[in-house]
Amino acid sequence: MNFLTKFLSTLPRNIQGAFWLGSSVFAFTAMAGLAKYLGNDFHAFQISFFRSFFSLIVISPFLIRAGAAQGGVKTKVPLLQIVRGTVSAVGIMMGFYAIVNLPLADAQAIRFSSSLFLVPLAAIFLKEKIGLRRTIAALVGFTGVLIMLDPGGDYNFASFMALGAAIAFAFAAILVNIVSKYDEPVTLMFYSNIISVLIMIIPALMFWVTPNFDQIILIFIMAICASIAHNFFIRAYAVGEASVIAPIDYIRLLFSAAVDFLIFGIIFGLNTLIGSAIIILTSLYILRREAKVKKDKEPNLEEI
C-alpha cells in the first residue's frame, strides 16, 4: 500500500482521486453483494452490526500503530465524532435494510439522492450560499426520487429506509467535511465503527442468529470490503475535486445492476432507470455548478 500511495502521489491529484474512488466502488459493490447474500440467513440489523464489529477488528492494527495520540484514537472534536458516528450508524442500518430487501440497483439509485439533500444541509450547517439554479436542480432531482419510490404503486418500507439512509449519509458527509479538518481518516473510521457497534448491538441481539464458520468467513470478507471502501472513499475526496471525480461513483449503479442480474436474477426496473437518470444528471449539474461558483470566487492571478 505504501508503494502504491507513493506512486499515485506522482500523478495529478484528480487522477489520484479517480483511482481511489473507482477502487472504493469495487469494494462497496462487493460488500453490498455479500450483505444481500447474507440477508438470506440474517436480519439486516444483525448484518449491520457484523459490518461495524468486524470492520473495527480490521482497522485495529492501524489504530495500534497510530497509538492513542493525535492521528490515532485521540480526537480534537469528541462531541462531533459522537454525533457523526451516531448519524452514520443510523444510515448504515437503514442502508443495509434496503440492500437486503430491495434489488441492489434500486437501493443504490435511491442512495445517490444524498447529493440532493446535501444542497439544503450545506446551506444550513456550512453556511453555503445556494443559488436559484442549484435549488431548482435539487427539486428536479427529487422528482427522480419520487419516480423510484413510486408512491402510487407497489412501494414498500425498504424504499423509505433507503431514502432515510440517503438523508443520514448526506448529513454524515457534512459532518465529515467538518471533522476531517481536525482528525485523520483512521480516527474517523474508529469512531464511526465503535459508536456503530454500541448502537447496533441491541437491535442485532433482538434478531440474533449465531453464524456458522462459513458465514463468519463471508462476514469477515464483507467487513474488509467495507473498511476498504470507506478508507478509499475518504482518500478520494481528500485529494480530488468532487466535481471532477464524483461521476465515477455512479458506476456503482451499473455494478449493482450486474450483481442483481448475474447472482440474484433480478432485472433492472424501468422506474429505477428513469429515476436514477434524473438524480444522476441533476447531481452532476449541481457539482459542476458548485465548481464554477468556487472558481469564480477565486482571484485571477493574471490580473493581480
C-alpha atoms as a PDB file:
ATOM      1  CA  MET A   1       0.000   0.000   0.000  1.00  0.00           C
ATOM      2  CA  ASN A   2       2.866   2.397   0.797  1.00  0.00           C
ATOM      3  CA  PHE A   3       4.404   1.750  -2.639  1.00  0.00           C
ATOM      4  CA  LEU A   4       1.042   2.360  -4.330  1.00  0.00           C
ATOM      5  CA  THR A   5       0.473   5.559  -2.359  1.00  0.00           C
ATOM      6  CA  LYS A   6       3.933   6.857  -3.275  1.00  0.00           C
ATOM      7  CA  PHE A   7       3.386   6.018  -6.942  1.00  0.00           C
ATOM      8  CA  LEU A   8      -0.021   7.722  -7.023  1.00  0.00           C
ATOM      9  CA  SER A   9       1.444  10.823  -5.357  1.00  0.00           C
ATOM     10  CA  THR A  10       3.441  11.419  -8.553  1.00  0.00           C
ATOM     11  CA  LEU A  11       0.212  11.696 -10.557  1.00  0.00           C
ATOM     12  CA  PRO A  12      -2.194  14.684 -10.802  1.00  0.00           C
ATOM     13  CA  ARG A  13      -4.469  14.940  -7.771  1.00  0.00           C
ATOM     14  CA  ASN A  14      -7.673  14.296  -9.725  1.00  0.00           C
ATOM     15  CA  ILE A  15      -6.163  11.129 -11.209  1.00  0.00           C
ATOM     16  CA  GLN A  16      -5.331  10.011  -7.669  1.00  0.00           C
ATOM     17  CA  GLY A  17      -8.879  10.808  -6.545  1.00  0.00           C
ATOM     18  CA  ALA A  18     -10.370   8.954  -9.516  1.00  0.00           C
ATOM     19  CA  PHE A  19      -8.288   5.859  -8.724  1.00  0.00           C
ATOM     20  CA  TRP A  20      -9.274   5.811  -5.034  1.00  0.00           C
ATOM     21  CA  LEU A  21     -12.944   6.418  -5.813  1.00  0.00           C
ATOM     22  CA  GLY A  22     -13.024   3.751  -8.510  1.00  0.00           C
ATOM     23  CA  SER A  23     -11.415   1.290  -6.092  1.00  0.00           C
ATOM     24  CA  SER A  24     -13.996   2.292  -3.480  1.00  0.00           C
ATOM     25  CA  VAL A  25     -16.800   1.493  -5.944  1.00  0.00           C
ATOM     26  CA  PHE A  26     -15.453  -2.047  -6.476  1.00  0.00           C
ATOM     27  CA  ALA A  27     -15.103  -2.656  -2.738  1.00  0.00           C
ATOM     28  CA  PHE A  28     -18.516  -1.217  -1.906  1.00  0.00           C
ATOM     29  CA  THR A  29     -20.269  -3.301  -4.571  1.00  0.00           C
ATOM     30  CA  ALA A  30     -18.603  -6.442  -3.220  1.00  0.00           C
ATOM     31  CA  MET A  31     -19.701  -5.527   0.316  1.00  0.00           C
ATOM     32  CA  ALA A  32     -23.286  -4.868  -0.796  1.00  0.00           C
ATOM     33  CA  GLY A  33     -23.450  -8.123  -2.741  1.00  0.00           C
ATOM     34  CA  LEU A  34     -22.205 -10.110   0.262  1.00  0.00           C
ATOM     35  CA  ALA A  35     -24.637  -8.287   2.570  1.00  0.00           C
ATOM     36  CA  LYS A  36     -27.570  -9.134   0.309  1.00  0.00           C
ATOM     37  CA  TYR A  37     -26.463 -12.776   0.134  1.00  0.00           C
ATOM     38  CA  LEU A  38     -26.124 -12.950   3.934  1.00  0.00           C
ATOM     39  CA  GLY A  39     -29.605 -11.436   4.166  1.00  0.00           C
ATOM     40  CA  ASN A  40     -30.985 -14.863   3.333  1.00  0.00           C
ATOM     41  CA  ASP A  41     -29.883 -16.069   6.782  1.00  0.00           C
ATOM     42  CA  PHE A  42     -29.603 -12.941   8.946  1.00  0.00           C
ATOM     43  CA  HIS A  43     -31.659  -9.828   9.654  1.00  0.00           C
ATOM     44  CA  ALA A  44     -30.326  -6.602   8.140  1.00  0.00           C
ATOM     45  CA  PHE A  45     -29.684  -5.122  11.605  1.00  0.00           C
ATOM     46  CA  GLN A  46     -27.504  -8.075  12.581  1.00  0.00           C
ATOM     47  CA  ILE A  47     -25.577  -7.748   9.314  1.00  0.00           C
ATOM     48  CA  SER A  48     -25.076  -4.040  10.085  1.00  0.00           C
ATOM     49  CA  PHE A  49     -23.640  -4.976  13.471  1.00  0.00           C
ATOM     50  CA  PHE A  50     -21.351  -7.590  11.902  1.00  0.00           C
ATOM     51  CA  ARG A  51     -20.156  -4.993   9.389  1.00  0.00           C
ATOM     52  CA  SER A  52     -19.160  -2.471  12.071  1.00  0.00           C
ATOM     53  CA  PHE A  53     -17.801  -5.001  14.590  1.00  0.00           C
ATOM     54  CA  PHE A  54     -15.563  -6.821  12.118  1.00  0.00           C
ATOM     55  CA  SER A  55     -14.536  -3.534  10.453  1.00  0.00           C
ATOM     56  CA  LEU A  56     -13.319  -2.399  13.867  1.00  0.00           C
ATOM     57  CA  ILE A  57     -11.195  -5.542  14.051  1.00  0.00           C
ATOM     58  CA  VAL A  58      -9.858  -4.898  10.535  1.00  0.00           C
ATOM     59  CA  ILE A  59      -8.662  -1.351  11.347  1.00  0.00           C
ATOM     60  CA  SER A  60      -7.288  -2.307  14.802  1.00  0.00           C
ATOM     61  CA  PRO A  61      -3.702  -2.866  13.532  1.00  0.00           C
ATOM     62  CA  PHE A  62      -3.689   0.628  12.037  1.00  0.00           C
ATOM     63  CA  LEU A  63      -5.041   2.072  15.281  1.00  0.00           C
ATOM     64  CA  ILE A  64      -2.390   0.232  17.318  1.00  0.00           C
ATOM     65  CA  ARG A  65       0.313   1.569  15.034  1.00  0.00           C
ATOM     66  CA  ALA A  66      -1.089   5.101  15.249  1.00  0.00           C
ATOM     67  CA  GLY A  67      -1.441   4.829  19.021  1.00  0.00           C
ATOM     68  CA  ALA A  68      -3.622   6.826  21.375  1.00  0.00           C
ATOM     69  CA  ALA A  69      -2.119  10.140  20.328  1.00  0.00           C
ATOM     70  CA  GLN A  70      -3.456  12.559  17.712  1.00  0.00           C
ATOM     71  CA  GLY A  71      -3.890  10.724  14.410  1.00  0.00           C
ATOM     72  CA  GLY A  72      -4.923   7.560  16.245  1.00  0.00           C
ATOM     73  CA  VAL A  73      -7.688   7.169  18.812  1.00  0.00           C
ATOM     74  CA  LYS A  74      -7.408  10.684  20.215  1.00  0.00           C
ATOM     75  CA  THR A  75      -9.713  13.285  18.675  1.00  0.00           C
ATOM     76  CA  LYS A  76      -9.841  17.060  18.891  1.00  0.00           C
ATOM     77  CA  VAL A  77     -13.629  17.090  18.451  1.00  0.00           C
ATOM     78  CA  PRO A  78     -15.120  14.238  20.534  1.00  0.00           C
ATOM     79  CA  LEU A  79     -18.693  15.573  20.502  1.00  0.00           C
ATOM     80  CA  LEU A  80     -18.714  15.940  16.721  1.00  0.00           C
ATOM     81  CA  GLN A  81     -17.275  12.436  16.372  1.00  0.00           C
ATOM     82  CA  ILE A  82     -20.070  11.035  18.536  1.00  0.00           C
ATOM     83  CA  VAL A  83     -22.740  12.855  16.538  1.00  0.00           C
ATOM     84  CA  ARG A  84     -21.182  11.782  13.231  1.00  0.00           C
ATOM     85  CA  GLY A  85     -20.845   8.181  14.436  1.00  0.00           C
ATOM     86  CA  THR A  86     -24.478   8.121  15.541  1.00  0.00           C
ATOM     87  CA  VAL A  87     -25.745   9.528  12.244  1.00  0.00           C
ATOM     88  CA  SER A  88     -23.568   7.061  10.321  1.00  0.00           C
ATOM     89  CA  ALA A  89     -24.827   4.139  12.423  1.00  0.00           C
ATOM     90  CA  VAL A  90     -28.454   5.034  11.682  1.00  0.00           C
ATOM     91  CA  GLY A  91     -27.640   5.432   7.995  1.00  0.00           C
ATOM     92  CA  ILE A  92     -25.805   2.095   7.867  1.00  0.00           C
ATOM     93  CA  MET A  93     -28.701   0.196   9.487  1.00  0.00           C
ATOM     94  CA  MET A  94     -31.257   1.739   7.135  1.00  0.00           C
ATOM     95  CA  GLY A  95     -28.937   1.245   4.173  1.00  0.00           C
ATOM     96  CA  PHE A  96     -28.391  -2.447   4.929  1.00  0.00           C
ATOM     97  CA  TYR A  97     -32.129  -2.944   5.411  1.00  0.00           C
ATOM     98  CA  ALA A  98     -32.624  -1.505   1.906  1.00  0.00           C
ATOM     99  CA  ILE A  99     -29.811  -3.633   0.422  1.00  0.00           C
ATOM    100  CA  VAL A 100     -31.262  -6.838   1.872  1.00  0.00           C
ATOM    101  CA  ASN A 101     -34.886  -6.119   0.946  1.00  0.00           C
ATOM    102  CA  LEU A 102     -34.550  -4.275  -2.387  1.00  0.00           C
ATOM    103  CA  PRO A 103     -32.719  -5.005  -5.636  1.00  0.00           C
ATOM    104  CA  LEU A 104     -29.171  -3.678  -5.182  1.00  0.00           C
ATOM    105  CA  ALA A 105     -29.578  -1.271  -8.096  1.00  0.00           C
ATOM    106  CA  ASP A 106     -32.739   0.240  -6.549  1.00  0.00           C
ATOM    107  CA  ALA A 107     -31.073   0.646  -3.151  1.00  0.00           C
ATOM    108  CA  GLN A 108     -28.022   2.303  -4.717  1.00  0.00           C
ATOM    109  CA  ALA A 109     -30.072   4.545  -7.002  1.00  0.00           C
ATOM    110  CA  ILE A 110     -32.052   5.950  -4.083  1.00  0.00           C
ATOM    111  CA  ARG A 111     -28.800   6.226  -2.123  1.00  0.00           C
ATOM    112  CA  PHE A 112     -27.466   8.604  -4.786  1.00  0.00           C
ATOM    113  CA  SER A 113     -30.097  11.164  -3.790  1.00  0.00           C
ATOM    114  CA  SER A 114     -27.741  12.031  -0.902  1.00  0.00           C
ATOM    115  CA  SER A 115     -26.146  14.652  -3.145  1.00  0.00           C
ATOM    116  CA  LEU A 116     -29.531  16.369  -3.478  1.00  0.00           C
ATOM    117  CA  PHE A 117     -30.031  16.512   0.294  1.00  0.00           C
ATOM    118  CA  LEU A 118     -26.540  17.986   0.598  1.00  0.00           C
ATOM    119  CA  VAL A 119     -27.805  21.208  -1.002  1.00  0.00           C
ATOM    120  CA  PRO A 120     -30.117  22.329   1.859  1.00  0.00           C
ATOM    121  CA  LEU A 121     -27.892  20.744   4.537  1.00  0.00           C
ATOM    122  CA  ALA A 122     -24.821  22.622   3.288  1.00  0.00           C
ATOM    123  CA  ALA A 123     -26.788  25.857   3.396  1.00  0.00           C
ATOM    124  CA  ILE A 124     -27.869  25.192   6.998  1.00  0.00           C
ATOM    125  CA  PHE A 125     -24.708  23.742   8.560  1.00  0.00           C
ATOM    126  CA  LEU A 126     -21.859  25.016   6.361  1.00  0.00           C
ATOM    127  CA  LYS A 127     -23.478  28.404   5.669  1.00  0.00           C
ATOM    128  CA  GLU A 128     -23.002  27.909   1.937  1.00  0.00           C
ATOM    129  CA  LYS A 129     -24.947  30.222  -0.350  1.00  0.00           C
ATOM    130  CA  ILE A 130     -27.239  28.139  -2.553  1.00  0.00           C
ATOM    131  CA  GLY A 131     -28.259  29.856  -5.785  1.00  0.00           C
ATOM    132  CA  LEU A 132     -31.552  29.560  -7.630  1.00  0.00           C
ATOM    133  CA  ARG A 133     -30.131  27.188 -10.276  1.00  0.00           C
ATOM    134  CA  ARG A 134     -28.878  24.662  -7.742  1.00  0.00           C
ATOM    135  CA  THR A 135     -32.168  24.877  -5.834  1.00  0.00           C
ATOM    136  CA  ILE A 136     -34.166  24.158  -8.999  1.00  0.00           C
ATOM    137  CA  ALA A 137     -31.782  21.325  -9.939  1.00  0.00           C
ATOM    138  CA  ALA A 138     -32.249  19.746  -6.490  1.00  0.00           C
ATOM    139  CA  LEU A 139     -36.041  19.974  -6.801  1.00  0.00           C
ATOM    140  CA  VAL A 140     -35.913  18.350 -10.246  1.00  0.00           C
ATOM    141  CA  GLY A 141     -33.694  15.636  -8.780  1.00  0.00           C
ATOM    142  CA  PHE A 142     -36.267  14.886  -6.115  1.00  0.00           C
ATOM    143  CA  THR A 143     -38.776  14.026  -8.847  1.00  0.00           C
ATOM    144  CA  GLY A 144     -36.386  11.191  -9.721  1.00  0.00           C
ATOM    145  CA  VAL A 145     -36.607  10.002  -6.122  1.00  0.00           C
ATOM    146  CA  LEU A 146     -40.407  10.061  -6.293  1.00  0.00           C
ATOM    147  CA  ILE A 147     -40.357   8.043  -9.517  1.00  0.00           C
ATOM    148  CA  MET A 148     -38.262   5.335  -7.856  1.00  0.00           C
ATOM    149  CA  LEU A 149     -40.370   5.348  -4.688  1.00  0.00           C
ATOM    150  CA  ASP A 150     -43.477   5.079  -6.890  1.00  0.00           C
ATOM    151  CA  PRO A 151     -45.898   6.430  -4.231  1.00  0.00           C
ATOM    152  CA  GLY A 152     -48.914   5.493  -6.338  1.00  0.00           C
ATOM    153  CA  GLY A 153     -47.769   1.927  -6.888  1.00  0.00           C
ATOM    154  CA  ASP A 154     -46.155  -1.053  -5.194  1.00  0.00           C
ATOM    155  CA  TYR A 155     -43.752   0.813  -2.914  1.00  0.00           C
ATOM    156  CA  ASN A 156     -42.551  -0.791   0.316  1.00  0.00           C
ATOM    157  CA  PHE A 157     -40.959   0.081   3.617  1.00  0.00           C
ATOM    158  CA  ALA A 158     -37.462  -0.775   2.326  1.00  0.00           C
ATOM    159  CA  SER A 159     -37.660   2.038  -0.229  1.00  0.00           C
ATOM    160  CA  PHE A 160     -38.238   4.577   2.512  1.00  0.00           C
ATOM    161  CA  MET A 161     -35.431   3.054   4.545  1.00  0.00           C
ATOM    162  CA  ALA A 162     -33.171   3.634   1.516  1.00  0.00           C
ATOM    163  CA  LEU A 163     -34.344   7.242   1.394  1.00  0.00           C
ATOM    164  CA  GLY A 164     -33.706   7.637   5.134  1.00  0.00           C
ATOM    165  CA  ALA A 165     -30.206   6.243   4.613  1.00  0.00           C
ATOM    166  CA  ALA A 166     -29.602   8.801   1.851  1.00  0.00           C
ATOM    167  CA  ILE A 167     -30.569  11.648   4.190  1.00  0.00           C
ATOM    168  CA  ALA A 168     -28.417  10.255   7.006  1.00  0.00           C
ATOM    169  CA  PHE A 169     -25.394   9.823   4.717  1.00  0.00           C
ATOM    170  CA  ALA A 170     -25.818  13.368   3.400  1.00  0.00           C
ATOM    171  CA  PHE A 171     -25.764  14.697   6.975  1.00  0.00           C
ATOM    172  CA  ALA A 172     -22.784  12.440   7.763  1.00  0.00           C
ATOM    173  CA  ALA A 173     -20.952  13.862   4.722  1.00  0.00           C
ATOM    174  CA  ILE A 174     -21.452  17.377   6.100  1.00  0.00           C
ATOM    175  CA  LEU A 175     -20.032  16.244   9.442  1.00  0.00           C
ATOM    176  CA  VAL A 176     -17.080  14.517   7.702  1.00  0.00           C
ATOM    177  CA  ASN A 177     -16.356  17.802   5.938  1.00  0.00           C
ATOM    178  CA  ILE A 178     -16.072  19.471   9.344  1.00  0.00           C
ATOM    179  CA  VAL A 179     -14.411  16.702  11.356  1.00  0.00           C
ATOM    180  CA  SER A 180     -11.778  15.842   8.707  1.00  0.00           C
ATOM    181  CA  LYS A 181     -10.261  19.287   9.280  1.00  0.00           C
ATOM    182  CA  TYR A 182      -9.264  18.144  12.767  1.00  0.00           C
ATOM    183  CA  ASP A 183      -8.761  14.353  12.639  1.00  0.00           C
ATOM    184  CA  GLU A 184      -7.140  11.751  10.376  1.00  0.00           C
ATOM    185  CA  PRO A 185      -9.138   9.210   8.261  1.00  0.00           C
ATOM    186  CA  VAL A 186      -8.261   6.286  10.595  1.00  0.00           C
ATOM    187  CA  THR A 187      -9.613   8.313  13.551  1.00  0.00           C
ATOM    188  CA  LEU A 188     -12.872   8.939  11.685  1.00  0.00           C
ATOM    189  CA  MET A 189     -13.163   5.235  10.878  1.00  0.00           C
ATOM    190  CA  PHE A 190     -12.503   4.253  14.502  1.00  0.00           C
ATOM    191  CA  TYR A 191     -15.224   6.462  15.964  1.00  0.00           C
ATOM    192  CA  SER A 192     -17.665   5.587  13.203  1.00  0.00           C
ATOM    193  CA  ASN A 193     -17.249   1.867  13.895  1.00  0.00           C
ATOM    194  CA  ILE A 194     -17.029   1.907  17.705  1.00  0.00           C
ATOM    195  CA  ILE A 195     -20.139   4.074  18.030  1.00  0.00           C
ATOM    196  CA  SER A 196     -21.958   1.962  15.448  1.00  0.00           C
ATOM    197  CA  VAL A 197     -21.138  -1.223  17.395  1.00  0.00           C
ATOM    198  CA  LEU A 198     -22.508   0.268  20.622  1.00  0.00           C
ATOM    199  CA  ILE A 199     -25.697   1.474  18.929  1.00  0.00           C
ATOM    200  CA  MET A 200     -26.326  -1.634  16.805  1.00  0.00           C
ATOM    201  CA  ILE A 201     -25.753  -4.294  19.452  1.00  0.00           C
ATOM    202  CA  ILE A 202     -29.298  -4.012  20.880  1.00  0.00           C
ATOM    203  CA  PRO A 203     -31.254  -4.336  17.584  1.00  0.00           C
ATOM    204  CA  ALA A 204     -28.798  -7.056  16.499  1.00  0.00           C
ATOM    205  CA  LEU A 205     -29.496  -9.107  19.648  1.00  0.00           C
ATOM    206  CA  MET A 206     -33.245  -8.815  19.014  1.00  0.00           C
ATOM    207  CA  PHE A 207     -32.827 -10.751  15.737  1.00  0.00           C
ATOM    208  CA  TRP A 208     -29.722 -12.761  16.663  1.00  0.00           C
ATOM    209  CA  VAL A 209     -28.823 -15.902  14.717  1.00  0.00           C
ATOM    210  CA  THR A 210     -25.443 -17.479  15.515  1.00  0.00           C
ATOM    211  CA  PRO A 211     -23.373 -17.768  12.312  1.00  0.00           C
ATOM    212  CA  ASN A 212     -21.510 -20.919  11.351  1.00  0.00           C
ATOM    213  CA  PHE A 213     -17.844 -20.959  10.296  1.00  0.00           C
ATOM    214  CA  ASP A 214     -18.515 -20.418   6.571  1.00  0.00           C
ATOM    215  CA  GLN A 215     -20.808 -17.490   7.343  1.00  0.00           C
ATOM    216  CA  ILE A 216     -18.185 -15.934   9.638  1.00  0.00           C
ATOM    217  CA  ILE A 217     -15.696 -16.042   6.760  1.00  0.00           C
ATOM    218  CA  LEU A 218     -18.161 -14.261   4.456  1.00  0.00           C
ATOM    219  CA  ILE A 219     -18.954 -11.710   7.176  1.00  0.00           C
ATOM    220  CA  PHE A 220     -15.246 -11.020   7.689  1.00  0.00           C
ATOM    221  CA  ILE A 221     -14.718 -10.548   3.931  1.00  0.00           C
ATOM    222  CA  MET A 222     -17.711  -8.186   3.871  1.00  0.00           C
ATOM    223  CA  ALA A 223     -16.157  -6.168   6.721  1.00  0.00           C
ATOM    224  CA  ILE A 224     -12.811  -5.987   4.910  1.00  0.00           C
ATOM    225  CA  CYS A 225     -14.581  -4.716   1.780  1.00  0.00           C
ATOM    226  CA  ALA A 226     -16.496  -2.154   3.862  1.00  0.00           C
ATOM    227  CA  SER A 227     -13.304  -0.876   5.525  1.00  0.00           C
ATOM    228  CA  ILE A 228     -11.500  -0.643   2.199  1.00  0.00           C
ATOM    229  CA  ALA A 229     -14.442   1.144   0.564  1.00  0.00           C
ATOM    230  CA  HIS A 230     -14.707   3.625   3.458  1.00  0.00           C
ATOM    231  CA  ASN A 231     -10.974   4.359   3.544  1.00  0.00           C
ATOM    232  CA  PHE A 232     -10.635   4.725  -0.239  1.00  0.00           C
ATOM    233  CA  PHE A 233     -13.712   6.966  -0.383  1.00  0.00           C
ATOM    234  CA  ILE A 234     -12.196   9.326   2.206  1.00  0.00           C
ATOM    235  CA  ARG A 235      -8.849   9.291   0.369  1.00  0.00           C
ATOM    236  CA  ALA A 236     -10.557  10.078  -2.945  1.00  0.00           C
ATOM    237  CA  TYR A 237     -12.240  13.255  -1.776  1.00  0.00           C
ATOM    238  CA  ALA A 238      -9.206  14.296   0.260  1.00  0.00           C
ATOM    239  CA  VAL A 239      -7.088  14.631  -2.904  1.00  0.00           C
ATOM    240  CA  GLY A 240      -9.527  15.048  -5.807  1.00  0.00           C
ATOM    241  CA  GLU A 241     -12.047  17.719  -6.771  1.00  0.00           C
ATOM    242  CA  ALA A 242     -15.568  16.473  -6.104  1.00  0.00           C
ATOM    243  CA  SER A 243     -16.935  17.975  -9.345  1.00  0.00           C
ATOM    244  CA  VAL A 244     -14.336  16.050 -11.365  1.00  0.00           C
ATOM    245  CA  ILE A 245     -14.237  12.627  -9.699  1.00  0.00           C
ATOM    246  CA  ALA A 246     -17.833  12.255  -8.415  1.00  0.00           C
ATOM    247  CA  PRO A 247     -19.228  10.815 -11.693  1.00  0.00           C
ATOM    248  CA  ILE A 248     -17.067   7.720 -11.128  1.00  0.00           C
ATOM    249  CA  ASP A 249     -19.177   6.847  -8.094  1.00  0.00           C
ATOM    250  CA  TYR A 250     -22.227   6.391 -10.337  1.00  0.00           C
ATOM    251  CA  ILE A 251     -20.556   3.339 -11.912  1.00  0.00           C
ATOM    252  CA  ARG A 252     -21.687   1.667  -8.685  1.00  0.00           C
ATOM    253  CA  LEU A 253     -25.215   1.588 -10.137  1.00  0.00           C
ATOM    254  CA  LEU A 254     -24.051  -0.417 -13.163  1.00  0.00           C
ATOM    255  CA  PHE A 255     -22.090  -2.838 -10.976  1.00  0.00           C
ATOM    256  CA  SER A 256     -25.106  -3.259  -8.689  1.00  0.00           C
ATOM    257  CA  ALA A 257     -27.371  -3.978 -11.659  1.00  0.00           C
ATOM    258  CA  ALA A 258     -24.846  -6.573 -12.901  1.00  0.00           C
ATOM    259  CA  VAL A 259     -24.724  -8.272  -9.475  1.00  0.00           C
ATOM    260  CA  ASP A 260     -28.542  -8.232  -9.328  1.00  0.00           C
ATOM    261  CA  PHE A 261     -28.803  -9.979 -12.696  1.00  0.00           C
ATOM    262  CA  LEU A 262     -25.862 -12.400 -12.526  1.00  0.00           C
ATOM    263  CA  ILE A 263     -26.204 -13.532  -8.895  1.00  0.00           C
ATOM    264  CA  PHE A 264     -29.774 -12.828  -7.792  1.00  0.00           C
ATOM    265  CA  GLY A 265     -31.594 -12.989 -11.150  1.00  0.00           C
ATOM    266  CA  ILE A 266     -33.118  -9.521 -10.756  1.00  0.00           C
ATOM    267  CA  ILE A 267     -33.618  -7.317 -13.834  1.00  0.00           C
ATOM    268  CA  PHE A 268     -33.172  -3.532 -13.718  1.00  0.00           C
ATOM    269  CA  GLY A 269     -36.604  -1.847 -13.403  1.00  0.00           C
ATOM    270  CA  LEU A 270     -37.872   0.975 -15.640  1.00  0.00           C
ATOM    271  CA  ASN A 271     -38.679   3.221 -12.656  1.00  0.00           C
ATOM    272  CA  THR A 272     -35.142   2.757 -11.375  1.00  0.00           C
ATOM    273  CA  LEU A 273     -33.692   3.564 -14.800  1.00  0.00           C
ATOM    274  CA  ILE A 274     -35.695   6.785 -15.243  1.00  0.00           C
ATOM    275  CA  GLY A 275     -35.435   7.925 -11.630  1.00  0.00           C
ATOM    276  CA  SER A 276     -31.705   7.254 -11.302  1.00  0.00           C
ATOM    277  CA  ALA A 277     -31.021   9.027 -14.623  1.00  0.00           C
ATOM    278  CA  ILE A 278     -32.773  12.151 -13.318  1.00  0.00           C
ATOM    279  CA  ILE A 279     -30.913  12.012  -9.996  1.00  0.00           C
ATOM    280  CA  ILE A 280     -27.511  11.457 -11.616  1.00  0.00           C
ATOM    281  CA  LEU A 281     -27.946  14.227 -14.206  1.00  0.00           C
ATOM    282  CA  THR A 282     -29.144  16.782 -11.656  1.00  0.00           C
ATOM    283  CA  SER A 283     -26.431  15.760  -9.195  1.00  0.00           C
ATOM    284  CA  LEU A 284     -23.757  16.238 -11.863  1.00  0.00           C
ATOM    285  CA  TYR A 285     -25.205  19.643 -12.706  1.00  0.00           C
ATOM    286  CA  ILE A 286     -25.094  20.669  -9.041  1.00  0.00           C
ATOM    287  CA  LEU A 287     -21.473  19.521  -8.755  1.00  0.00           C
ATOM    288  CA  ARG A 288     -20.455  21.396 -11.904  1.00  0.00           C
ATOM    289  CA  ARG A 289     -22.323  24.482 -10.754  1.00  0.00           C
ATOM    290  CA  GLU A 290     -20.603  24.394  -7.349  1.00  0.00           C
ATOM    291  CA  ALA A 291     -17.221  24.070  -9.060  1.00  0.00           C
ATOM    292  CA  LYS A 292     -17.967  27.073 -11.287  1.00  0.00           C
ATOM    293  CA  VAL A 293     -19.112  29.197  -8.349  1.00  0.00           C
ATOM    294  CA  LYS A 294     -15.982  28.238  -6.420  1.00  0.00           C
ATOM    295  CA  LYS A 295     -13.759  29.059  -9.398  1.00  0.00           C
ATOM    296  CA  ASP A 296     -15.445  32.452  -9.909  1.00  0.00           C
ATOM    297  CA  LYS A 297     -14.731  33.323  -6.272  1.00  0.00           C
ATOM    298  CA  GLU A 298     -11.017  32.561  -6.624  1.00  0.00           C
ATOM    299  CA  PRO A 299      -8.791  35.528  -7.547  1.00  0.00           C
ATOM    300  CA  ASN A 300      -7.444  35.658 -11.080  1.00  0.00           C
ATOM    301  CA  LEU A 301      -3.668  35.633 -10.550  1.00  0.00           C
ATOM    302  CA  GLU A 302      -3.067  37.021 -14.039  1.00  0.00           C
ATOM    303  CA  GLU A 303      -4.939  40.173 -13.091  1.00  0.00           C
ATOM    304  CA  ILE A 304      -3.143  40.681  -9.771  1.00  0.00           C
END
